């Protein structure tokens, strides 16, 4: 059994209020070394059998058409989770 990870992030021009809230809280909690935060989504897709190039391509297509809102989000990474 394999696992594919699809990472989705807001487009750079889209405001990220959740990331902004986290960025504001980090210094108050002792983590002042971070300049900014963007919050995204991570999807883990399990497959029966090995992860092939065809599986990765299908995961990217699912990310672009189903898992993300292409108006405001980008699929930034699709990869095999080798620790699965």
N, C-alpha and C. Protein backbone atom coordinates (compact mmCIF):
# COMPACT_ATOMS: atom_id res chain seq x y z
N UNK A 1 0.85 -1.18 0.00
CA UNK A 1 0.00 0.00 0.00
C UNK A 1 0.89 1.24 0.00
N UNK A 2 0.58 2.17 -0.86
CA UNK A 2 1.34 3.41 -0.95
C UNK A 2 0.50 4.60 -0.55
N UNK A 3 1.18 5.71 -0.35
CA UNK A 3 0.49 6.95 0.02
C UNK A 3 1.08 8.11 -0.78
N UNK A 4 0.18 8.94 -1.31
CA UNK A 4 0.57 10.14 -2.03
C UNK A 4 0.10 11.34 -1.22
N UNK A 5 0.96 12.35 -1.12
CA UNK A 5 0.62 13.59 -0.42
C UNK A 5 0.42 14.68 -1.46
N UNK A 6 -0.67 15.43 -1.29
CA UNK A 6 -0.97 16.59 -2.13
C UNK A 6 -1.03 17.81 -1.22
N UNK A 7 -0.14 18.77 -1.43
CA UNK A 7 -0.12 20.00 -0.65
C UNK A 7 -0.75 21.13 -1.46
N UNK A 8 -1.69 21.83 -0.81
CA UNK A 8 -2.42 22.93 -1.45
C UNK A 8 -2.21 24.18 -0.60
N UNK A 9 -1.90 25.29 -1.26
CA UNK A 9 -1.68 26.56 -0.55
C UNK A 9 -2.49 27.67 -1.22
N UNK A 10 -2.84 28.71 -0.44
CA UNK A 10 -3.50 29.86 -1.07
C UNK A 10 -2.55 30.51 -2.08
N UNK A 11 -3.11 31.03 -3.15
CA UNK A 11 -2.29 31.76 -4.13
C UNK A 11 -1.63 32.94 -3.41
N UNK A 12 -0.44 33.35 -3.86
CA UNK A 12 0.28 34.42 -3.17
C UNK A 12 -0.51 35.73 -3.05
N UNK A 13 -1.36 36.01 -4.02
CA UNK A 13 -2.11 37.27 -3.99
C UNK A 13 -3.36 37.22 -3.12
N UNK A 14 -3.68 36.05 -2.59
CA UNK A 14 -4.86 35.88 -1.75
C UNK A 14 -4.49 36.11 -0.29
N UNK A 15 -5.29 36.91 0.41
CA UNK A 15 -5.06 37.13 1.84
C UNK A 15 -5.24 35.82 2.59
N UNK A 16 -4.47 35.64 3.64
CA UNK A 16 -4.51 34.42 4.44
C UNK A 16 -4.75 34.80 5.90
N UNK A 17 -6.02 35.01 6.31
CA UNK A 17 -6.28 35.46 7.68
C UNK A 17 -5.86 34.44 8.74
N UNK A 18 -5.94 33.16 8.45
CA UNK A 18 -5.50 32.17 9.44
C UNK A 18 -3.99 32.23 9.63
N UNK A 19 -3.26 32.34 8.53
CA UNK A 19 -1.81 32.48 8.62
C UNK A 19 -1.41 33.75 9.35
N UNK A 20 -2.13 34.82 9.10
CA UNK A 20 -1.85 36.09 9.76
C UNK A 20 -2.08 35.98 11.27
N UNK A 21 -3.15 35.29 11.68
CA UNK A 21 -3.43 35.10 13.10
C UNK A 21 -2.33 34.27 13.76
N UNK A 22 -1.89 33.23 13.09
CA UNK A 22 -0.81 32.39 13.64
C UNK A 22 0.47 33.21 13.72
N UNK A 23 0.77 34.00 12.69
CA UNK A 23 1.97 34.83 12.69
C UNK A 23 1.95 35.82 13.84
N UNK A 24 0.78 36.33 14.18
CA UNK A 24 0.67 37.25 15.30
C UNK A 24 0.86 36.57 16.64
N UNK A 25 0.45 35.32 16.74
CA UNK A 25 0.53 34.59 18.01
C UNK A 25 1.94 34.04 18.28
N UNK A 26 2.67 33.69 17.24
CA UNK A 26 3.98 33.06 17.44
C UNK A 26 4.92 33.87 18.33
N UNK A 27 5.11 35.18 18.08
CA UNK A 27 6.03 35.93 18.94
C UNK A 27 5.57 35.97 20.40
N UNK A 28 4.27 36.05 20.61
CA UNK A 28 3.74 36.08 21.98
C UNK A 28 4.00 34.76 22.71
N UNK A 29 4.20 33.70 21.94
CA UNK A 29 4.43 32.38 22.53
C UNK A 29 5.92 31.99 22.52
N UNK A 30 6.78 32.96 22.23
CA UNK A 30 8.21 32.72 22.29
C UNK A 30 8.85 32.27 21.00
N UNK A 31 8.13 32.39 19.87
CA UNK A 31 8.67 31.99 18.57
C UNK A 31 8.79 33.20 17.66
N UNK A 32 9.63 34.16 18.04
CA UNK A 32 9.76 35.41 17.30
C UNK A 32 10.63 35.36 16.07
N UNK A 33 11.25 34.21 15.79
CA UNK A 33 12.17 34.12 14.65
C UNK A 33 11.47 33.95 13.30
N UNK A 34 10.14 33.80 13.31
CA UNK A 34 9.42 33.59 12.05
C UNK A 34 8.80 34.89 11.58
N UNK A 35 9.06 35.24 10.31
CA UNK A 35 8.60 36.52 9.78
C UNK A 35 7.16 36.48 9.29
N UNK A 36 6.72 35.35 8.76
CA UNK A 36 5.36 35.27 8.25
C UNK A 36 4.91 33.81 8.22
N UNK A 37 3.60 33.62 8.08
CA UNK A 37 3.01 32.28 8.04
C UNK A 37 1.94 32.25 6.96
N UNK A 38 1.91 31.18 6.18
CA UNK A 38 0.82 30.91 5.25
C UNK A 38 0.29 29.53 5.61
N UNK A 39 -1.00 29.42 5.76
CA UNK A 39 -1.59 28.13 6.13
C UNK A 39 -2.23 27.49 4.91
N UNK A 40 -1.94 26.21 4.72
CA UNK A 40 -2.49 25.48 3.59
C UNK A 40 -3.16 24.19 4.03
N UNK A 41 -3.30 23.28 3.06
CA UNK A 41 -3.95 22.00 3.30
C UNK A 41 -3.04 20.88 2.81
N UNK A 42 -3.10 19.75 3.52
CA UNK A 42 -2.35 18.56 3.14
C UNK A 42 -3.35 17.41 3.02
N UNK A 43 -3.33 16.75 1.87
CA UNK A 43 -4.19 15.59 1.63
C UNK A 43 -3.30 14.36 1.52
N UNK A 44 -3.69 13.28 2.15
CA UNK A 44 -2.98 12.01 2.04
C UNK A 44 -3.90 11.02 1.33
N UNK A 45 -3.47 10.55 0.18
CA UNK A 45 -4.26 9.63 -0.64
C UNK A 45 -3.59 8.26 -0.61
N UNK A 46 -4.28 7.25 -0.10
CA UNK A 46 -3.71 5.91 -0.06
C UNK A 46 -4.13 5.14 -1.31
N UNK A 47 -3.20 4.34 -1.81
CA UNK A 47 -3.45 3.53 -3.00
C UNK A 47 -3.09 2.08 -2.70
N UNK A 48 -3.78 1.17 -3.37
CA UNK A 48 -3.43 -0.24 -3.28
C UNK A 48 -2.28 -0.47 -4.25
N UNK A 49 -1.16 -0.90 -3.75
CA UNK A 49 -0.02 -1.15 -4.61
C UNK A 49 0.97 0.00 -4.57
N UNK A 50 1.98 -0.07 -5.42
CA UNK A 50 3.02 0.95 -5.42
C UNK A 50 2.55 2.26 -6.03
N UNK A 51 3.24 3.33 -5.67
CA UNK A 51 2.97 4.65 -6.25
C UNK A 51 3.78 4.76 -7.54
N UNK A 52 3.08 4.92 -8.64
CA UNK A 52 3.73 5.03 -9.96
C UNK A 52 3.59 6.46 -10.47
N UNK A 53 4.24 6.72 -11.58
CA UNK A 53 4.11 8.05 -12.21
C UNK A 53 2.65 8.32 -12.59
N UNK A 54 1.93 7.28 -13.01
CA UNK A 54 0.52 7.44 -13.37
C UNK A 54 -0.32 7.81 -12.14
N UNK A 55 -0.01 7.20 -11.01
CA UNK A 55 -0.71 7.52 -9.76
C UNK A 55 -0.43 8.97 -9.36
N UNK A 56 0.83 9.38 -9.46
CA UNK A 56 1.18 10.77 -9.12
C UNK A 56 0.48 11.76 -10.04
N UNK A 57 0.39 11.44 -11.33
CA UNK A 57 -0.30 12.31 -12.27
C UNK A 57 -1.79 12.39 -11.94
N UNK A 58 -2.39 11.26 -11.58
CA UNK A 58 -3.80 11.26 -11.20
C UNK A 58 -4.02 12.06 -9.92
N UNK A 59 -3.09 11.95 -8.97
CA UNK A 59 -3.21 12.72 -7.73
C UNK A 59 -3.11 14.21 -8.00
N UNK A 60 -2.20 14.60 -8.91
CA UNK A 60 -2.08 16.02 -9.26
C UNK A 60 -3.38 16.51 -9.91
N UNK A 61 -3.94 15.71 -10.81
CA UNK A 61 -5.20 16.09 -11.46
C UNK A 61 -6.32 16.21 -10.43
N UNK A 62 -6.38 15.26 -9.49
CA UNK A 62 -7.40 15.36 -8.43
C UNK A 62 -7.18 16.60 -7.59
N UNK A 63 -5.93 16.91 -7.30
CA UNK A 63 -5.62 18.11 -6.54
C UNK A 63 -6.06 19.37 -7.25
N UNK A 64 -5.84 19.43 -8.54
CA UNK A 64 -6.17 20.63 -9.32
C UNK A 64 -7.66 20.77 -9.57
N UNK A 65 -8.41 19.66 -9.62
CA UNK A 65 -9.82 19.72 -9.99
C UNK A 65 -10.79 19.47 -8.84
N UNK A 66 -10.34 18.77 -7.79
CA UNK A 66 -11.26 18.38 -6.72
C UNK A 66 -10.80 18.88 -5.35
N UNK A 67 -9.52 18.71 -5.04
CA UNK A 67 -9.03 18.99 -3.70
C UNK A 67 -8.75 20.47 -3.44
N UNK A 68 -8.64 21.25 -4.49
CA UNK A 68 -8.36 22.68 -4.33
C UNK A 68 -9.41 23.51 -5.05
N UNK A 69 -9.47 24.76 -4.66
CA UNK A 69 -10.28 25.74 -5.38
C UNK A 69 -9.31 26.51 -6.27
N UNK A 70 -9.27 26.23 -7.57
CA UNK A 70 -8.25 26.81 -8.44
C UNK A 70 -8.32 28.33 -8.57
N UNK A 71 -9.40 28.93 -8.14
CA UNK A 71 -9.50 30.39 -8.19
C UNK A 71 -8.60 31.01 -7.12
N UNK A 72 -8.50 30.36 -5.95
CA UNK A 72 -7.75 30.96 -4.85
C UNK A 72 -6.61 30.09 -4.32
N UNK A 73 -6.46 28.86 -4.84
CA UNK A 73 -5.44 27.96 -4.32
C UNK A 73 -4.61 27.33 -5.44
N UNK A 74 -3.38 26.98 -5.10
CA UNK A 74 -2.48 26.27 -6.00
C UNK A 74 -2.10 24.93 -5.38
N UNK A 75 -1.97 23.91 -6.22
CA UNK A 75 -1.36 22.66 -5.79
C UNK A 75 0.13 22.90 -5.87
N UNK A 76 0.81 22.87 -4.73
CA UNK A 76 2.23 23.21 -4.71
C UNK A 76 3.15 22.00 -4.69
N UNK A 77 2.62 20.83 -4.31
CA UNK A 77 3.47 19.63 -4.29
C UNK A 77 2.61 18.38 -4.35
N UNK A 78 3.10 17.39 -5.08
CA UNK A 78 2.50 16.06 -5.12
C UNK A 78 3.66 15.08 -5.07
N UNK A 79 3.68 14.23 -4.04
CA UNK A 79 4.82 13.32 -3.88
C UNK A 79 4.41 12.08 -3.11
N UNK A 80 5.23 11.04 -3.26
CA UNK A 80 5.01 9.81 -2.52
C UNK A 80 5.50 9.99 -1.09
N UNK A 81 4.67 9.59 -0.14
CA UNK A 81 5.06 9.59 1.27
C UNK A 81 5.81 8.29 1.52
N UNK A 82 7.13 8.35 1.54
CA UNK A 82 7.93 7.13 1.66
C UNK A 82 7.92 6.59 3.09
N UNK A 83 7.39 7.33 4.03
CA UNK A 83 7.31 6.86 5.42
C UNK A 83 6.01 6.14 5.70
N UNK A 84 5.16 6.01 4.68
CA UNK A 84 3.86 5.36 4.86
C UNK A 84 4.00 3.88 5.09
